[in-house]
Amino acid sequence: RHPLFQVAMVLQSNTGGEPELSGLRAEALAADTGVAKFDLNVTLEEFFGPDGEPAGLDCAIDYATDLFDRETVEAVAARFGRLLTEMTARPERRIGRADLLADGERAALLGGHRPLPAELPLVPDAFAAQVAATPDLTALVHGETRLTY
């Protein structure tokens, strides 16, 4: 284990083109050592078109094979892809509301239980709604003390 952190995320946004070295042709190459430096390392690289417009994003994940198996990392990558897709389609949406599960995963996790509504209120929002709807109801009891909303 790395002594400072276990997960790293790197965003490479190289928009300057290839380096110029006194007339020599140079290009950046990825070096795959076959060994993960951290428990989980996610590298994102942005690509741009000729006019500077966004042209895509590549993602690579290196992982410690004594901690993760290939299927687990592939599931993490798929969920991360769903997160990026959903957040770029709906940037106003809270990131915690993004649906990361694939078809069938929710049913498998619930084991036959009724699924929760897609848009659950946050606890502070649910509390504020209860206060507004029933301000005179008892909200807290301690011994003989009763407080309303």
N, C-alpha and C. Protein backbone atom coordinates (compact mmCIF):
# COMPACT_ATOMS: atom_id res chain seq x y z
N ARG A 1 0.84 -1.19 0.00
CA ARG A 1 0.00 0.00 0.00
C ARG A 1 0.87 1.24 0.00
N HIS A 2 0.41 2.24 -0.72
CA HIS A 2 1.12 3.51 -0.74
C HIS A 2 0.90 4.19 0.61
N PRO A 3 1.93 4.80 1.21
CA PRO A 3 1.77 5.35 2.56
C PRO A 3 0.91 6.61 2.65
N LEU A 4 0.71 7.34 1.56
CA LEU A 4 -0.04 8.59 1.64
C LEU A 4 -1.49 8.47 1.16
N PHE A 5 -1.72 7.70 0.11
CA PHE A 5 -3.08 7.54 -0.41
C PHE A 5 -3.14 6.27 -1.23
N GLN A 6 -4.35 5.79 -1.46
CA GLN A 6 -4.51 4.54 -2.18
C GLN A 6 -5.11 4.72 -3.57
N VAL A 7 -5.83 5.82 -3.79
CA VAL A 7 -6.49 6.06 -5.07
C VAL A 7 -5.99 7.38 -5.65
N ALA A 8 -5.65 7.35 -6.94
CA ALA A 8 -5.21 8.56 -7.63
C ALA A 8 -6.06 8.75 -8.88
N MET A 9 -6.36 10.01 -9.20
CA MET A 9 -7.04 10.35 -10.45
C MET A 9 -6.24 11.44 -11.12
N VAL A 10 -5.90 11.22 -12.38
CA VAL A 10 -5.08 12.16 -13.15
C VAL A 10 -5.87 12.59 -14.37
N LEU A 11 -5.92 13.90 -14.61
CA LEU A 11 -6.54 14.43 -15.83
C LEU A 11 -5.44 15.04 -16.68
N GLN A 12 -5.23 14.47 -17.85
CA GLN A 12 -4.24 14.99 -18.79
C GLN A 12 -4.98 15.82 -19.82
N SER A 13 -4.68 17.09 -19.85
CA SER A 13 -5.32 18.01 -20.79
C SER A 13 -4.22 18.68 -21.59
N ASN A 14 -3.66 17.96 -22.51
CA ASN A 14 -2.54 18.45 -23.31
C ASN A 14 -3.06 19.07 -24.60
N THR A 15 -3.20 20.38 -24.60
CA THR A 15 -3.72 21.05 -25.79
C THR A 15 -2.61 21.72 -26.59
N GLY A 16 -1.38 21.61 -26.13
CA GLY A 16 -0.28 22.30 -26.80
C GLY A 16 0.33 21.56 -27.96
N GLY A 17 -0.14 20.37 -28.27
CA GLY A 17 0.45 19.63 -29.38
C GLY A 17 1.72 18.92 -28.97
N GLU A 18 2.45 18.45 -29.95
CA GLU A 18 3.69 17.71 -29.69
C GLU A 18 4.83 18.68 -29.40
N PRO A 19 5.77 18.28 -28.56
CA PRO A 19 6.90 19.17 -28.25
C PRO A 19 7.82 19.35 -29.46
N GLU A 20 8.44 20.51 -29.55
CA GLU A 20 9.39 20.78 -30.62
C GLU A 20 10.80 20.82 -30.02
N LEU A 21 11.71 20.05 -30.62
CA LEU A 21 13.07 19.96 -30.11
C LEU A 21 14.06 20.20 -31.24
N SER A 22 14.33 21.46 -31.56
CA SER A 22 15.34 21.84 -32.56
C SER A 22 15.27 21.01 -33.83
N GLY A 23 14.11 20.92 -34.43
CA GLY A 23 13.96 20.23 -35.69
C GLY A 23 13.75 18.74 -35.58
N LEU A 24 13.84 18.19 -34.39
CA LEU A 24 13.60 16.76 -34.20
C LEU A 24 12.11 16.50 -34.02
N ARG A 25 11.66 15.38 -34.53
CA ARG A 25 10.26 14.99 -34.33
C ARG A 25 10.16 14.29 -32.98
N ALA A 26 9.21 14.70 -32.16
CA ALA A 26 9.03 14.09 -30.84
C ALA A 26 7.54 13.87 -30.60
N GLU A 27 7.22 12.80 -29.91
CA GLU A 27 5.83 12.55 -29.54
C GLU A 27 5.81 11.87 -28.18
N ALA A 28 4.75 12.10 -27.45
CA ALA A 28 4.59 11.49 -26.14
C ALA A 28 4.04 10.08 -26.30
N LEU A 29 4.62 9.13 -25.60
CA LEU A 29 4.16 7.75 -25.63
C LEU A 29 3.83 7.30 -24.22
N ALA A 30 2.79 6.51 -24.11
CA ALA A 30 2.44 5.95 -22.81
C ALA A 30 3.39 4.81 -22.48
N ALA A 31 3.84 4.77 -21.26
CA ALA A 31 4.73 3.70 -20.82
C ALA A 31 3.96 2.79 -19.87
N ASP A 32 3.69 1.58 -20.29
CA ASP A 32 2.97 0.62 -19.46
C ASP A 32 3.99 -0.27 -18.77
N THR A 33 4.14 -0.10 -17.47
CA THR A 33 5.12 -0.89 -16.72
C THR A 33 4.55 -2.23 -16.29
N GLY A 34 3.23 -2.37 -16.35
CA GLY A 34 2.59 -3.60 -15.91
C GLY A 34 2.43 -3.70 -14.41
N VAL A 35 2.81 -2.63 -13.70
CA VAL A 35 2.71 -2.61 -12.25
C VAL A 35 1.94 -1.36 -11.83
N ALA A 36 0.94 -1.53 -10.98
CA ALA A 36 0.17 -0.39 -10.48
C ALA A 36 0.96 0.31 -9.38
N LYS A 37 1.05 1.63 -9.49
CA LYS A 37 1.77 2.40 -8.47
C LYS A 37 0.93 2.63 -7.22
N PHE A 38 -0.40 2.58 -7.39
CA PHE A 38 -1.34 2.80 -6.29
C PHE A 38 -2.38 1.68 -6.31
N ASP A 39 -3.19 1.60 -5.27
CA ASP A 39 -4.23 0.56 -5.25
C ASP A 39 -5.14 0.70 -6.46
N LEU A 40 -5.49 1.94 -6.78
CA LEU A 40 -6.35 2.23 -7.93
C LEU A 40 -5.89 3.55 -8.52
N ASN A 41 -5.60 3.57 -9.81
CA ASN A 41 -5.14 4.79 -10.47
C ASN A 41 -5.97 5.00 -11.74
N VAL A 42 -6.72 6.10 -11.77
CA VAL A 42 -7.57 6.42 -12.92
C VAL A 42 -6.92 7.57 -13.67
N THR A 43 -6.65 7.36 -14.96
CA THR A 43 -6.04 8.40 -15.79
C THR A 43 -7.02 8.77 -16.90
N LEU A 44 -7.35 10.05 -16.98
CA LEU A 44 -8.23 10.57 -18.01
C LEU A 44 -7.41 11.46 -18.94
N GLU A 45 -7.64 11.32 -20.23
CA GLU A 45 -6.94 12.16 -21.20
C GLU A 45 -7.97 12.78 -22.14
N GLU A 46 -7.96 14.11 -22.18
CA GLU A 46 -8.86 14.85 -23.06
C GLU A 46 -8.29 14.93 -24.47
N PHE A 47 -9.19 14.91 -25.45
CA PHE A 47 -8.79 15.11 -26.83
C PHE A 47 -9.59 16.26 -27.41
N PHE A 48 -8.96 16.99 -28.33
CA PHE A 48 -9.60 18.16 -28.93
C PHE A 48 -9.47 18.08 -30.45
N GLY A 49 -10.47 18.66 -31.13
CA GLY A 49 -10.46 18.71 -32.59
C GLY A 49 -9.53 19.80 -33.09
N PRO A 50 -9.43 19.95 -34.40
CA PRO A 50 -8.50 20.92 -34.98
C PRO A 50 -8.81 22.37 -34.60
N ASP A 51 -10.06 22.66 -34.30
CA ASP A 51 -10.43 24.02 -33.90
C ASP A 51 -10.50 24.19 -32.39
N GLY A 52 -10.02 23.20 -31.64
CA GLY A 52 -10.00 23.29 -30.18
C GLY A 52 -11.26 22.79 -29.50
N GLU A 53 -12.23 22.30 -30.29
CA GLU A 53 -13.47 21.81 -29.69
C GLU A 53 -13.22 20.43 -29.04
N PRO A 54 -13.94 20.16 -27.94
CA PRO A 54 -13.77 18.86 -27.28
C PRO A 54 -14.06 17.71 -28.25
N ALA A 55 -13.20 16.69 -28.25
CA ALA A 55 -13.35 15.57 -29.18
C ALA A 55 -13.36 14.23 -28.46
N GLY A 56 -13.37 14.22 -27.15
CA GLY A 56 -13.47 12.96 -26.44
C GLY A 56 -12.59 12.87 -25.22
N LEU A 57 -12.74 11.77 -24.54
CA LEU A 57 -12.04 11.53 -23.29
C LEU A 57 -11.70 10.04 -23.23
N ASP A 58 -10.44 9.73 -23.04
CA ASP A 58 -10.02 8.34 -22.84
C ASP A 58 -9.78 8.12 -21.36
N CYS A 59 -10.06 6.92 -20.90
CA CYS A 59 -9.87 6.58 -19.50
C CYS A 59 -9.09 5.27 -19.41
N ALA A 60 -8.10 5.23 -18.54
CA ALA A 60 -7.36 4.00 -18.26
C ALA A 60 -7.33 3.82 -16.75
N ILE A 61 -7.46 2.58 -16.32
CA ILE A 61 -7.44 2.28 -14.88
C ILE A 61 -6.37 1.22 -14.63
N ASP A 62 -5.43 1.55 -13.77
CA ASP A 62 -4.45 0.59 -13.28
C ASP A 62 -4.86 0.22 -11.86
N TYR A 63 -4.65 -1.04 -11.48
CA TYR A 63 -5.08 -1.46 -10.15
C TYR A 63 -4.17 -2.56 -9.61
N ALA A 64 -4.15 -2.64 -8.31
CA ALA A 64 -3.37 -3.67 -7.64
C ALA A 64 -4.16 -4.98 -7.72
N THR A 65 -3.59 -5.96 -8.39
CA THR A 65 -4.30 -7.23 -8.62
C THR A 65 -4.47 -8.06 -7.35
N ASP A 66 -3.73 -7.73 -6.29
CA ASP A 66 -3.95 -8.45 -5.04
C ASP A 66 -5.13 -7.86 -4.26
N LEU A 67 -5.65 -6.71 -4.71
CA LEU A 67 -6.80 -6.08 -4.05
C LEU A 67 -8.06 -6.12 -4.89
N PHE A 68 -7.93 -6.07 -6.21
CA PHE A 68 -9.07 -6.02 -7.12
C PHE A 68 -8.95 -7.11 -8.17
N ASP A 69 -10.11 -7.62 -8.59
CA ASP A 69 -10.09 -8.50 -9.76
C ASP A 69 -10.58 -7.71 -10.97
N ARG A 70 -10.34 -8.25 -12.16
CA ARG A 70 -10.66 -7.56 -13.41
C ARG A 70 -12.15 -7.18 -13.49
N GLU A 71 -13.04 -8.09 -13.09
CA GLU A 71 -14.48 -7.84 -13.17
C GLU A 71 -14.89 -6.66 -12.30
N THR A 72 -14.31 -6.55 -11.11
CA THR A 72 -14.64 -5.43 -10.22
C THR A 72 -14.20 -4.10 -10.83
N VAL A 73 -13.00 -4.07 -11.38
CA VAL A 73 -12.50 -2.83 -11.98
C VAL A 73 -13.30 -2.48 -13.23
N GLU A 74 -13.70 -3.48 -14.01
CA GLU A 74 -14.54 -3.21 -15.18
C GLU A 74 -15.90 -2.64 -14.75
N ALA A 75 -16.44 -3.13 -13.64
CA ALA A 75 -17.71 -2.59 -13.12
C ALA A 75 -17.53 -1.14 -12.65
N VAL A 76 -16.42 -0.86 -11.99
CA VAL A 76 -16.13 0.52 -11.56
C VAL A 76 -16.02 1.42 -12.80
N ALA A 77 -15.31 0.96 -13.82
CA ALA A 77 -15.14 1.75 -15.05
C ALA A 77 -16.48 1.99 -15.73
N ALA A 78 -17.33 0.98 -15.78
CA ALA A 78 -18.65 1.14 -16.41
C ALA A 78 -19.50 2.15 -15.64
N ARG A 79 -19.46 2.09 -14.33
CA ARG A 79 -20.24 3.06 -13.52
C ARG A 79 -19.68 4.47 -13.67
N PHE A 80 -18.37 4.59 -13.74
CA PHE A 80 -17.75 5.90 -13.94
C PHE A 80 -18.16 6.46 -15.30
N GLY A 81 -18.20 5.61 -16.31
CA GLY A 81 -18.66 6.03 -17.64
C GLY A 81 -20.11 6.49 -17.61
N ARG A 82 -20.96 5.75 -16.88
CA ARG A 82 -22.36 6.18 -16.75
C ARG A 82 -22.46 7.51 -16.03
N LEU A 83 -21.64 7.71 -15.00
CA LEU A 83 -21.63 8.98 -14.27
C LEU A 83 -21.26 10.13 -15.20
N LEU A 84 -20.18 9.97 -15.96
CA LEU A 84 -19.75 11.04 -16.88
C LEU A 84 -20.82 11.31 -17.93
N THR A 85 -21.42 10.27 -18.48
CA THR A 85 -22.46 10.43 -19.50
C THR A 85 -23.66 11.17 -18.94
N GLU A 86 -24.10 10.76 -17.75
CA GLU A 86 -25.29 11.39 -17.16
C GLU A 86 -25.01 12.84 -16.76
N MET A 87 -23.83 13.11 -16.21
CA MET A 87 -23.54 14.47 -15.75
C MET A 87 -23.32 15.42 -16.92
N THR A 88 -22.80 14.94 -18.04
CA THR A 88 -22.65 15.83 -19.19
C THR A 88 -23.99 16.06 -19.87
N ALA A 89 -24.90 15.09 -19.78
CA ALA A 89 -26.23 15.27 -20.37
C ALA A 89 -27.09 16.18 -19.50
N ARG A 90 -26.88 16.14 -18.18
CA ARG A 90 -27.68 16.94 -17.25
C ARG A 90 -26.77 17.61 -16.22
N PRO A 91 -26.00 18.61 -16.60
CA PRO A 91 -25.01 19.21 -15.68
C PRO A 91 -25.64 19.90 -14.47
N GLU A 92 -26.92 20.24 -14.54
CA GLU A 92 -27.58 20.90 -13.41
C GLU A 92 -27.94 19.92 -12.30
N ARG A 93 -27.89 18.64 -12.60
CA ARG A 93 -28.28 17.61 -11.64
C ARG A 93 -27.21 17.43 -10.59
N ARG A 94 -27.64 17.18 -9.34
CA ARG A 94 -26.69 16.89 -8.27
C ARG A 94 -26.00 15.58 -8.57
N ILE A 95 -24.70 15.53 -8.35
CA ILE A 95 -23.92 14.35 -8.70
C ILE A 95 -24.40 13.13 -7.91
N GLY A 96 -24.87 13.33 -6.70
CA GLY A 96 -25.37 12.23 -5.89
C GLY A 96 -26.66 11.62 -6.40
N ARG A 97 -27.30 12.28 -7.34
CA ARG A 97 -28.56 11.78 -7.91
C ARG A 97 -28.33 10.97 -9.19
N ALA A 98 -27.11 10.89 -9.65
CA ALA A 98 -26.82 10.16 -10.89
C ALA A 98 -27.05 8.66 -10.67
N ASP A 99 -27.65 8.01 -11.64
CA ASP A 99 -27.91 6.58 -11.57
C ASP A 99 -26.70 5.84 -12.15
N LEU A 100 -26.00 5.11 -11.30
CA LEU A 100 -24.77 4.44 -11.72
C LEU A 100 -24.98 2.96 -12.03
N LEU A 101 -26.16 2.43 -11.73
CA LEU A 101 -26.40 1.00 -11.89
C LEU A 101 -26.86 0.67 -13.30
N ALA A 102 -26.39 -0.47 -13.81
CA ALA A 102 -26.82 -0.96 -15.13
C ALA A 102 -28.18 -1.64 -14.99
N ASP A 103 -28.82 -1.90 -16.12
CA ASP A 103 -30.09 -2.61 -16.12
C ASP A 103 -29.91 -3.94 -15.39
N GLY A 104 -30.80 -4.22 -14.49
CA GLY A 104 -30.76 -5.47 -13.75
C GLY A 104 -29.97 -5.41 -12.46
N GLU A 105 -29.01 -4.50 -12.34
CA GLU A 105 -28.21 -4.43 -11.12
C GLU A 105 -29.06 -4.01 -9.92
N ARG A 106 -29.95 -3.06 -10.12
CA ARG A 106 -30.80 -2.59 -9.02
C ARG A 106 -31.68 -3.72 -8.51
N ALA A 107 -32.31 -4.47 -9.42
CA ALA A 107 -33.17 -5.58 -9.02
C ALA A 107 -32.36 -6.64 -8.27
N ALA A 108 -31.15 -6.91 -8.75
CA ALA A 108 -30.31 -7.91 -8.09
C ALA A 108 -29.92 -7.45 -6.68
N LEU A 109 -29.62 -6.17 -6.53
CA LEU A 109 -29.24 -5.63 -5.22
C LEU A 109 -30.41 -5.62 -4.25
N LEU A 110 -31.60 -5.32 -4.76
CA LEU A 110 -32.78 -5.24 -3.90
C LEU A 110 -33.31 -6.62 -3.53
N GLY A 111 -32.93 -7.63 -4.29
CA GLY A 111 -33.35 -8.99 -3.95
C GLY A 111 -34.85 -9.15 -3.87
N GLY A 112 -35.58 -8.53 -4.78
CA GLY A 112 -37.03 -8.66 -4.79
C GLY A 112 -37.77 -7.60 -3.99
N HIS A 113 -37.05 -6.76 -3.27
CA HIS A 113 -37.70 -5.68 -2.52
C HIS A 113 -38.15 -4.59 -3.48
N ARG A 114 -39.10 -3.81 -3.03
CA ARG A 114 -39.64 -2.72 -3.85
C ARG A 114 -38.56 -1.66 -4.06
N PRO A 115 -38.34 -1.23 -5.32
CA PRO A 115 -37.32 -0.19 -5.57
C PRO A 115 -37.73 1.15 -4.99
N LEU A 116 -36.75 1.93 -4.62
CA LEU A 116 -37.00 3.27 -4.11
C LEU A 116 -37.31 4.22 -5.26
N PRO A 117 -38.02 5.31 -4.97
CA PRO A 117 -38.27 6.30 -6.03
C PRO A 117 -36.94 6.82 -6.59
N ALA A 118 -36.95 7.17 -7.87
CA ALA A 118 -35.73 7.64 -8.54
C ALA A 118 -35.20 8.92 -7.90
N GLU A 119 -36.07 9.79 -7.49
CA GLU A 119 -35.66 11.08 -6.91
C GLU A 119 -36.00 11.12 -5.43
N LEU A 120 -35.13 10.62 -4.59
CA LEU A 120 -35.34 10.68 -3.15
C LEU A 120 -34.97 12.06 -2.63
N PRO A 121 -35.77 12.59 -1.69
CA PRO A 121 -35.38 13.89 -1.12
C PRO A 121 -34.20 13.72 -0.18
N LEU A 122 -33.40 14.73 -0.08
CA LEU A 122 -32.32 14.73 0.90
C LEU A 122 -32.95 14.91 2.28
N VAL A 123 -32.29 14.43 3.33
CA VAL A 123 -32.85 14.49 4.68
C VAL A 123 -33.21 15.91 5.07
N PRO A 124 -32.35 16.92 4.84
CA PRO A 124 -32.76 18.29 5.21
C PRO A 124 -34.00 18.76 4.45
N ASP A 125 -34.12 18.37 3.18
CA ASP A 125 -35.29 18.76 2.39
C ASP A 125 -36.55 18.07 2.91
N ALA A 126 -36.45 16.78 3.24
CA ALA A 126 -37.60 16.05 3.78
C ALA A 126 -38.01 16.64 5.12
N PHE A 127 -37.04 17.00 5.95
CA PHE A 127 -37.34 17.60 7.25
C PHE A 127 -38.03 18.95 7.07
N ALA A 128 -37.53 19.78 6.16
CA ALA A 128 -38.14 21.10 5.90
C ALA A 128 -39.57 20.94 5.39
N ALA A 129 -39.81 19.93 4.56
CA ALA A 129 -41.17 19.70 4.06
C ALA A 129 -42.09 19.28 5.19
N GLN A 130 -41.61 18.46 6.11
CA GLN A 130 -42.43 18.04 7.26
C GLN A 130 -42.72 19.23 8.16
N VAL A 131 -41.76 20.09 8.38
CA VAL A 131 -41.95 21.29 9.20
C VAL A 131 -43.03 22.18 8.58
N ALA A 132 -42.94 22.38 7.27
CA ALA A 132 -43.92 23.23 6.59
C ALA A 132 -45.32 22.62 6.62
N ALA A 133 -45.41 21.29 6.49
CA ALA A 133 -46.71 20.63 6.42
C ALA A 133 -47.36 20.48 7.80
N THR A 134 -46.58 20.30 8.85
CA THR A 134 -47.15 20.04 10.19
C THR A 134 -46.39 20.80 11.26
N PRO A 135 -46.44 22.12 11.24
CA PRO A 135 -45.62 22.89 12.19
C PRO A 135 -46.03 22.71 13.66
N ASP A 136 -47.27 22.30 13.93
CA ASP A 136 -47.73 22.18 15.31
C ASP A 136 -47.63 20.77 15.88
N LEU A 137 -47.22 19.78 15.07
CA LEU A 137 -47.08 18.42 15.58
C LEU A 137 -45.82 18.30 16.44
N THR A 138 -45.85 17.34 17.35
CA THR A 138 -44.70 17.09 18.21
C THR A 138 -43.56 16.52 17.37
N ALA A 139 -42.40 17.13 17.50
CA ALA A 139 -41.22 16.71 16.75
C ALA A 139 -40.20 16.02 17.65
N LEU A 140 -40.18 16.39 18.94
CA LEU A 140 -39.16 15.89 19.84
C LEU A 140 -39.74 15.76 21.24
N VAL A 141 -39.45 14.62 21.88
CA VAL A 141 -39.88 14.38 23.25
C VAL A 141 -38.67 13.99 24.07
N HIS A 142 -38.50 14.67 25.21
CA HIS A 142 -37.44 14.32 26.15
C HIS A 142 -38.03 14.46 27.55
N GLY A 143 -38.24 13.31 28.19
CA GLY A 143 -38.89 13.34 29.51
C GLY A 143 -40.27 13.96 29.37
N GLU A 144 -40.51 15.02 30.12
CA GLU A 144 -41.80 15.71 30.07
C GLU A 144 -41.82 16.85 29.03
N THR A 145 -40.68 17.12 28.44
CA THR A 145 -40.58 18.21 27.46
C THR A 145 -40.98 17.73 26.09
N ARG A 146 -41.87 18.49 25.44
CA ARG A 146 -42.30 18.20 24.07
C ARG A 146 -42.10 19.45 23.23
N LEU A 147 -41.43 19.27 22.07
CA LEU A 147 -41.22 20.39 21.16
C LEU A 147 -41.92 20.11 19.85
N THR A 148 -42.54 21.16 19.29
CA THR A 148 -43.16 21.03 17.98
C THR A 148 -42.15 21.41 16.92
N TYR A 149 -42.55 21.16 15.67
CA TYR A 149 -41.68 21.56 14.58
C TYR A 149 -41.52 23.07 14.57
